[in-house]
Amino acid sequence: ADGPFIHLGFNPKYFLMKNKGSASTNWIIYDTERADVPGANPNDQQLHPDGSFVEGSGKKVDFVSNGIKIRDSNAAINNNNVDYIYSAWAEHPFKTTRAV
């Protein structure tokens, strides 16, 4: 699915989201390490911190250089006329030169 793009302004390392319109959906956590191939897209490996199951897969997102691209039509992450809440952490949060 060609879902929405969420502009973050940085390359995300960790992304937490929830369908605000449905009490029956869980919080979903994506990160760059949990992917089948770390750092590869699409990423469909998730953690569900408030569910009866801890880990899951199937709802796809892409981690890109300046945000998140939703690649699934599942209502938990991509539904028309529904608000979502999210939080993200940057891969490299400080704009500093890395000296060697």
C-alpha atoms as a PDB file:
ATOM      1  CA  ALA A   1       0.000   0.000   0.000  1.00  0.00           C
ATOM      2  CA  ASP A   2       1.117   3.530  -0.687  1.00  0.00           C
ATOM      3  CA  GLY A   3       0.206   5.138   2.632  1.00  0.00           C
ATOM      4  CA  PRO A   4       1.048   8.538   4.061  1.00  0.00           C
ATOM      5  CA  PHE A   5       4.521   9.918   4.642  1.00  0.00           C
ATOM      6  CA  ILE A   6       5.248  11.270   8.118  1.00  0.00           C
ATOM      7  CA  HIS A   7       7.911  13.980   7.876  1.00  0.00           C
ATOM      8  CA  LEU A   8      10.104  13.933  10.979  1.00  0.00           C
ATOM      9  CA  GLY A   9      13.080  15.913   9.717  1.00  0.00           C
ATOM     10  CA  PHE A  10      15.517  13.183  10.774  1.00  0.00           C
ATOM     11  CA  ASN A  11      16.353   9.544  10.141  1.00  0.00           C
ATOM     12  CA  PRO A  12      14.366   7.602  12.780  1.00  0.00           C
ATOM     13  CA  LYS A  13      15.821   4.849  14.963  1.00  0.00           C
ATOM     14  CA  TYR A  14      12.633   4.156  16.956  1.00  0.00           C
ATOM     15  CA  PHE A  15       9.000   4.897  16.109  1.00  0.00           C
ATOM     16  CA  LEU A  16       5.961   4.472  18.396  1.00  0.00           C
ATOM     17  CA  MET A  17       2.397   4.923  17.131  1.00  0.00           C
ATOM     18  CA  LYS A  18      -1.266   4.262  17.945  1.00  0.00           C
ATOM     19  CA  ASN A  19      -4.603   4.625  16.184  1.00  0.00           C
ATOM     20  CA  LYS A  20      -6.207   7.253  18.434  1.00  0.00           C
ATOM     21  CA  GLY A  21      -9.698   6.557  17.074  1.00  0.00           C
ATOM     22  CA  SER A  22      -9.893   2.944  18.259  1.00  0.00           C
ATOM     23  CA  ALA A  23      -9.500   1.693  21.810  1.00  0.00           C
ATOM     24  CA  SER A  24      -9.104  -1.838  20.458  1.00  0.00           C
ATOM     25  CA  THR A  25      -5.806  -1.123  18.655  1.00  0.00           C
ATOM     26  CA  ASN A  26      -2.485  -1.534  20.399  1.00  0.00           C
ATOM     27  CA  TRP A  27       0.535   0.715  20.570  1.00  0.00           C
ATOM     28  CA  ILE A  28       3.065  -0.373  17.945  1.00  0.00           C
ATOM     29  CA  ILE A  29       6.821   0.101  18.174  1.00  0.00           C
ATOM     30  CA  TYR A  30       9.135  -0.155  15.170  1.00  0.00           C
ATOM     31  CA  ASP A  31      12.908   0.158  15.312  1.00  0.00           C
ATOM     32  CA  THR A  32      15.813  -0.255  12.941  1.00  0.00           C
ATOM     33  CA  GLU A  33      17.279  -3.278  14.746  1.00  0.00           C
ATOM     34  CA  ARG A  34      14.151  -5.450  14.817  1.00  0.00           C
ATOM     35  CA  ALA A  35      13.729  -5.631  11.017  1.00  0.00           C
ATOM     36  CA  ASP A  36      14.301  -8.980   9.309  1.00  0.00           C
ATOM     37  CA  VAL A  37      17.448  -7.388   7.890  1.00  0.00           C
ATOM     38  CA  PRO A  38      18.434  -4.520  10.232  1.00  0.00           C
ATOM     39  CA  GLY A  39      18.162  -1.222   8.390  1.00  0.00           C
ATOM     40  CA  ALA A  40      16.269  -2.700   5.393  1.00  0.00           C
ATOM     41  CA  ASN A  41      12.845  -1.621   4.142  1.00  0.00           C
ATOM     42  CA  PRO A  42      10.046  -2.402   4.451  1.00  0.00           C
ATOM     43  CA  ASN A  43      10.167  -3.015   8.176  1.00  0.00           C
ATOM     44  CA  ASP A  44       7.300  -5.183   9.439  1.00  0.00           C
ATOM     45  CA  GLN A  45       8.692  -6.357  12.793  1.00  0.00           C
ATOM     46  CA  GLN A  46       6.954  -4.738  15.770  1.00  0.00           C
ATOM     47  CA  LEU A  47       6.668  -4.703  19.514  1.00  0.00           C
ATOM     48  CA  HIS A  48       3.266  -4.334  21.197  1.00  0.00           C
ATOM     49  CA  PRO A  49       3.900  -3.042  24.728  1.00  0.00           C
ATOM     50  CA  ASP A  50       0.225  -3.055  25.748  1.00  0.00           C
ATOM     51  CA  GLY A  51      -0.940  -6.261  24.038  1.00  0.00           C
ATOM     52  CA  SER A  52      -1.271  -9.844  25.132  1.00  0.00           C
ATOM     53  CA  PHE A  53       1.358 -10.650  22.494  1.00  0.00           C
ATOM     54  CA  VAL A  54       4.684  -8.855  22.733  1.00  0.00           C
ATOM     55  CA  GLU A  55       6.065  -9.210  19.216  1.00  0.00           C
ATOM     56  CA  GLY A  56       4.313  -9.215  15.870  1.00  0.00           C
ATOM     57  CA  SER A  57       4.786  -8.670  12.181  1.00  0.00           C
ATOM     58  CA  GLY A  58       2.844  -7.773   9.085  1.00  0.00           C
ATOM     59  CA  LYS A  59       2.173  -4.020   9.270  1.00  0.00           C
ATOM     60  CA  LYS A  60       4.843  -2.484   7.041  1.00  0.00           C
ATOM     61  CA  VAL A  61       6.627   0.879   7.277  1.00  0.00           C
ATOM     62  CA  ASP A  62       9.760   2.290   5.647  1.00  0.00           C
ATOM     63  CA  PHE A  63      12.386   4.131   7.677  1.00  0.00           C
ATOM     64  CA  VAL A  64      13.729   6.863   5.359  1.00  0.00           C
ATOM     65  CA  SER A  65      16.243   9.671   5.803  1.00  0.00           C
ATOM     66  CA  ASN A  66      13.666  12.250   6.922  1.00  0.00           C
ATOM     67  CA  GLY A  67      10.719  10.274   8.292  1.00  0.00           C
ATOM     68  CA  ILE A  68       8.427   7.250   8.064  1.00  0.00           C
ATOM     69  CA  LYS A  69       6.502   5.991   5.029  1.00  0.00           C
ATOM     70  CA  ILE A  70       3.478   3.806   5.796  1.00  0.00           C
ATOM     71  CA  ARG A  71       3.407   0.783   3.447  1.00  0.00           C
ATOM     72  CA  ASP A  72       0.294  -1.010   4.711  1.00  0.00           C
ATOM     73  CA  SER A  73      -3.476  -0.499   4.625  1.00  0.00           C
ATOM     74  CA  ASN A  74      -4.125  -2.024   8.054  1.00  0.00           C
ATOM     75  CA  ALA A  75      -6.388   0.265  10.125  1.00  0.00           C
ATOM     76  CA  ALA A  76      -3.975   0.111  13.067  1.00  0.00           C
ATOM     77  CA  ILE A  77      -1.474   2.221  11.096  1.00  0.00           C
ATOM     78  CA  ASN A  78      -3.327   3.608   8.043  1.00  0.00           C
ATOM     79  CA  ASN A  79      -7.020   4.490   8.072  1.00  0.00           C
ATOM     80  CA  ASN A  80      -8.942   7.371   6.481  1.00  0.00           C
ATOM     81  CA  ASN A  81     -10.327  10.086   8.759  1.00  0.00           C
ATOM     82  CA  VAL A  82      -8.587   8.728  11.852  1.00  0.00           C
ATOM     83  CA  ASP A  83      -6.037  10.529  14.015  1.00  0.00           C
ATOM     84  CA  TYR A  84      -2.826   8.819  15.058  1.00  0.00           C
ATOM     85  CA  ILE A  85      -0.425   9.714  17.816  1.00  0.00           C
ATOM     86  CA  TYR A  86       3.250   8.960  17.432  1.00  0.00           C
ATOM     87  CA  SER A  87       6.681   9.626  18.828  1.00  0.00           C
ATOM     88  CA  ALA A  88      10.057   9.071  17.204  1.00  0.00           C
ATOM     89  CA  TRP A  89      13.701   9.062  18.203  1.00  0.00           C
ATOM     90  CA  ALA A  90      16.505   9.947  15.793  1.00  0.00           C
ATOM     91  CA  GLU A  91      19.217   7.580  14.597  1.00  0.00           C
ATOM     92  CA  HIS A  92      21.797  10.361  15.155  1.00  0.00           C
ATOM     93  CA  PRO A  93      20.148  13.003  17.348  1.00  0.00           C
ATOM     94  CA  PHE A  94      23.021  15.483  17.437  1.00  0.00           C
ATOM     95  CA  LYS A  95      24.362  17.355  14.440  1.00  0.00           C
ATOM     96  CA  THR A  96      28.019  16.964  15.221  1.00  0.00           C
ATOM     97  CA  THR A  97      31.051  15.967  13.227  1.00  0.00           C
ATOM     98  CA  ARG A  98      32.320  12.505  14.001  1.00  0.00           C
ATOM     99  CA  ALA A  99      36.082  12.772  14.300  1.00  0.00           C
ATOM    100  CA  VAL A 100      38.163   9.672  13.857  1.00  0.00           C
END
